[in-house]
Amino acid sequence: MSGPHQGQPLETVGAPLDDAEAAVVLAHGRDRNPEDTFQYTADLPRDGIASLAPQAADRSPVPSVESGRPSWYPNAFTAPIESNEPVRSSAMRAVTDAVGDVTVRLSVGSEHAIDDAELAFVRAVLADLTGR
């Protein structure tokens, strides 16, 4: 899928993902940025935990909305889903891709690696959450 949120930066703090034992994926709010979300991980130990947050595109894909301000979707989250498409689907894919990347990278070579059935379950849950 391509959309306004694909190709945006994935910010990280804490342990490098390839060395992490655990990871947290966060999504920032409207008019905010990934760095703002890292305040929620301040009490987590930095050793062994990677915190990642994808960056939303600015609102410029929607001409009627002021650009230069990051947002995952153009209208209020309480608006009908259709009014936030296709930008909403792009946002859900960006967060889902970040979770998927973390899942795969933490599993490779780990004694806690998840097997194919567990990975299928994670994908099914994400599909359910994203409506895919």
Foldseek 3Di string as FASTA:
>chain_A
DDDQQPPFDKDKAADDLLQALEEAEDEDAWQDFPVVVCVVCVPPDSPRYMYIYGGAAFLVVDVVDDGPGGHQFNDDPPPPPVNRPPSNLSSLVNSVVVVLVSLVSSQPPDPPHDDPVVSVVVVVVSCVVSVD
